[in-house]
């Protein structure tokens, strides 16, 4: 009969808990834009304006908002969220979606 040491049991329990957390994070990332952002960009610092952008983009996904314009000062995450992360999130959720993304740069 195979006996397990207490350390082995603790290691296995920790491994299973980490796996569960990962699966829960993956599940949240498929249904909530901010969770998706945090999943693919773990070092992201989330401010209130990021929550508001995410909420607005979630409304675009549900169809509550047909057009959205985000106007904020430079370096507040508009392009990162609107031009890179949101299209990836949307295509992951609805691969058949037709999407046009426009952005502006001074260069």
C-alpha atoms as a PDB file:
ATOM      1  CA  UNK A   1       0.000   0.000   0.000  1.00  0.00           C
ATOM      2  CA  UNK A   2       1.291   3.438  -0.919  1.00  0.00           C
ATOM      3  CA  UNK A   3       1.608   5.871   1.951  1.00  0.00           C
ATOM      4  CA  UNK A   4       1.883   9.596   1.449  1.00  0.00           C
ATOM      5  CA  UNK A   5       3.873  11.923   3.601  1.00  0.00           C
ATOM      6  CA  UNK A   6       2.147  14.996   5.035  1.00  0.00           C
ATOM      7  CA  UNK A   7       4.395  17.193   2.846  1.00  0.00           C
ATOM      8  CA  UNK A   8       3.266  15.345  -0.273  1.00  0.00           C
ATOM      9  CA  UNK A   9      -0.360  15.848   0.660  1.00  0.00           C
ATOM     10  CA  UNK A  10       0.204  19.552   1.301  1.00  0.00           C
ATOM     11  CA  UNK A  11       2.055  19.926  -2.007  1.00  0.00           C
ATOM     12  CA  UNK A  12      -0.763  18.232  -3.882  1.00  0.00           C
ATOM     13  CA  UNK A  13      -3.380  20.343  -2.116  1.00  0.00           C
ATOM     14  CA  UNK A  14      -1.472  23.524  -2.993  1.00  0.00           C
ATOM     15  CA  UNK A  15      -1.126  22.402  -6.615  1.00  0.00           C
ATOM     16  CA  UNK A  16      -4.872  21.725  -6.839  1.00  0.00           C
ATOM     17  CA  UNK A  17      -5.745  25.075  -5.218  1.00  0.00           C
ATOM     18  CA  UNK A  18      -3.506  26.933  -7.693  1.00  0.00           C
ATOM     19  CA  UNK A  19      -5.059  25.020 -10.593  1.00  0.00           C
ATOM     20  CA  UNK A  20      -8.548  25.927  -9.330  1.00  0.00           C
ATOM     21  CA  UNK A  21      -7.595  29.626  -9.087  1.00  0.00           C
ATOM     22  CA  UNK A  22      -6.242  29.525 -12.632  1.00  0.00           C
ATOM     23  CA  UNK A  23      -9.426  27.912 -13.970  1.00  0.00           C
ATOM     24  CA  UNK A  24     -11.577  30.464 -12.123  1.00  0.00           C
ATOM     25  CA  UNK A  25      -9.494  33.337 -13.539  1.00  0.00           C
ATOM     26  CA  UNK A  26      -9.799  31.881 -17.039  1.00  0.00           C
ATOM     27  CA  UNK A  27     -13.570  31.579 -16.619  1.00  0.00           C
ATOM     28  CA  UNK A  28     -13.906  35.196 -15.433  1.00  0.00           C
ATOM     29  CA  UNK A  29     -11.694  36.335 -18.323  1.00  0.00           C
ATOM     30  CA  UNK A  30     -14.213  34.966 -20.831  1.00  0.00           C
ATOM     31  CA  UNK A  31     -17.165  36.913 -19.439  1.00  0.00           C
ATOM     32  CA  UNK A  32     -15.764  40.178 -18.073  1.00  0.00           C
ATOM     33  CA  UNK A  33     -13.482  42.552 -19.972  1.00  0.00           C
ATOM     34  CA  UNK A  34     -11.585  43.865 -16.942  1.00  0.00           C
ATOM     35  CA  UNK A  35     -10.934  40.292 -15.786  1.00  0.00           C
ATOM     36  CA  UNK A  36      -9.652  39.503 -19.282  1.00  0.00           C
ATOM     37  CA  UNK A  37      -7.288  42.491 -19.110  1.00  0.00           C
ATOM     38  CA  UNK A  38      -5.974  41.386 -15.730  1.00  0.00           C
ATOM     39  CA  UNK A  39      -5.565  37.818 -16.971  1.00  0.00           C
ATOM     40  CA  UNK A  40      -3.518  38.683 -20.062  1.00  0.00           C
ATOM     41  CA  UNK A  41      -1.692  41.604 -18.389  1.00  0.00           C
ATOM     42  CA  UNK A  42      -1.191  40.507 -14.748  1.00  0.00           C
ATOM     43  CA  UNK A  43       1.060  43.459 -13.841  1.00  0.00           C
ATOM     44  CA  UNK A  44      -1.590  45.971 -14.927  1.00  0.00           C
ATOM     45  CA  UNK A  45      -2.479  48.511 -12.266  1.00  0.00           C
ATOM     46  CA  UNK A  46      -6.240  49.111 -12.277  1.00  0.00           C
ATOM     47  CA  UNK A  47      -7.590  52.583 -11.597  1.00  0.00           C
ATOM     48  CA  UNK A  48     -11.167  53.816 -11.468  1.00  0.00           C
ATOM     49  CA  UNK A  49     -10.920  55.119 -15.028  1.00  0.00           C
ATOM     50  CA  UNK A  50      -9.929  51.610 -16.177  1.00  0.00           C
ATOM     51  CA  UNK A  51     -13.014  50.191 -14.475  1.00  0.00           C
ATOM     52  CA  UNK A  52     -15.179  52.759 -16.248  1.00  0.00           C
ATOM     53  CA  UNK A  53     -13.625  51.998 -19.628  1.00  0.00           C
ATOM     54  CA  UNK A  54     -14.132  48.261 -19.026  1.00  0.00           C
ATOM     55  CA  UNK A  55     -17.754  48.781 -18.010  1.00  0.00           C
ATOM     56  CA  UNK A  56     -18.390  50.860 -21.144  1.00  0.00           C
ATOM     57  CA  UNK A  57     -16.767  48.216 -23.354  1.00  0.00           C
ATOM     58  CA  UNK A  58     -18.821  45.482 -21.654  1.00  0.00           C
ATOM     59  CA  UNK A  59     -21.906  47.509 -22.652  1.00  0.00           C
ATOM     60  CA  UNK A  60     -20.668  47.456 -26.245  1.00  0.00           C
ATOM     61  CA  UNK A  61     -20.429  43.655 -26.078  1.00  0.00           C
ATOM     62  CA  UNK A  62     -23.975  43.277 -24.737  1.00  0.00           C
ATOM     63  CA  UNK A  63     -25.341  45.635 -27.387  1.00  0.00           C
ATOM     64  CA  UNK A  64     -26.473  48.279 -24.883  1.00  0.00           C
ATOM     65  CA  UNK A  65     -24.023  50.714 -26.494  1.00  0.00           C
ATOM     66  CA  UNK A  66     -23.778  50.805 -30.291  1.00  0.00           C
ATOM     67  CA  UNK A  67     -21.032  53.429 -30.571  1.00  0.00           C
ATOM     68  CA  UNK A  68     -18.435  54.443 -28.065  1.00  0.00           C
ATOM     69  CA  UNK A  69     -15.894  57.232 -28.039  1.00  0.00           C
ATOM     70  CA  UNK A  70     -13.365  57.388 -25.234  1.00  0.00           C
ATOM     71  CA  UNK A  71     -11.769  60.795 -24.651  1.00  0.00           C
ATOM     72  CA  UNK A  72      -9.132  60.947 -21.937  1.00  0.00           C
ATOM     73  CA  UNK A  73      -5.704  62.521 -21.530  1.00  0.00           C
ATOM     74  CA  UNK A  74      -2.702  60.725 -23.030  1.00  0.00           C
ATOM     75  CA  UNK A  75      -1.170  57.770 -21.169  1.00  0.00           C
ATOM     76  CA  UNK A  76      -4.406  56.695 -19.450  1.00  0.00           C
ATOM     77  CA  UNK A  77      -4.735  53.351 -21.250  1.00  0.00           C
ATOM     78  CA  UNK A  78      -7.223  54.191 -24.003  1.00  0.00           C
ATOM     79  CA  UNK A  79      -5.195  52.659 -26.822  1.00  0.00           C
ATOM     80  CA  UNK A  80      -4.047  49.645 -24.828  1.00  0.00           C
ATOM     81  CA  UNK A  81      -7.611  48.744 -23.908  1.00  0.00           C
ATOM     82  CA  UNK A  82      -9.518  49.956 -26.941  1.00  0.00           C
ATOM     83  CA  UNK A  83      -7.126  49.093 -29.762  1.00  0.00           C
ATOM     84  CA  UNK A  84      -5.375  45.959 -28.485  1.00  0.00           C
ATOM     85  CA  UNK A  85      -7.112  44.245 -25.582  1.00  0.00           C
ATOM     86  CA  UNK A  86     -10.756  44.843 -26.530  1.00  0.00           C
ATOM     87  CA  UNK A  87     -10.495  43.490 -30.093  1.00  0.00           C
ATOM     88  CA  UNK A  88      -8.712  40.384 -28.754  1.00  0.00           C
ATOM     89  CA  UNK A  89     -11.399  39.911 -26.093  1.00  0.00           C
ATOM     90  CA  UNK A  90     -14.226  40.425 -28.566  1.00  0.00           C
ATOM     91  CA  UNK A  91     -12.745  38.043 -31.138  1.00  0.00           C
ATOM     92  CA  UNK A  92     -12.252  35.433 -28.419  1.00  0.00           C
ATOM     93  CA  UNK A  93     -15.882  35.723 -27.317  1.00  0.00           C
ATOM     94  CA  UNK A  94     -17.449  36.076 -30.760  1.00  0.00           C
ATOM     95  CA  UNK A  95     -15.094  35.041 -33.567  1.00  0.00           C
ATOM     96  CA  UNK A  96     -17.688  35.873 -36.246  1.00  0.00           C
ATOM     97  CA  UNK A  97     -18.034  39.500 -35.120  1.00  0.00           C
ATOM     98  CA  UNK A  98     -17.212  42.165 -37.652  1.00  0.00           C
ATOM     99  CA  UNK A  99     -15.038  44.787 -35.988  1.00  0.00           C
ATOM    100  CA  UNK A 100     -13.618  48.082 -37.150  1.00  0.00           C
ATOM    101  CA  UNK A 101     -11.073  49.750 -34.880  1.00  0.00           C
ATOM    102  CA  UNK A 102      -9.891  53.276 -35.425  1.00  0.00           C
ATOM    103  CA  UNK A 103      -7.268  55.204 -33.535  1.00  0.00           C
ATOM    104  CA  UNK A 104      -5.307  58.401 -33.869  1.00  0.00           C
ATOM    105  CA  UNK A 105      -1.697  59.290 -33.480  1.00  0.00           C
ATOM    106  CA  UNK A 106       0.211  62.496 -33.942  1.00  0.00           C
ATOM    107  CA  UNK A 107       2.976  60.727 -35.905  1.00  0.00           C
END
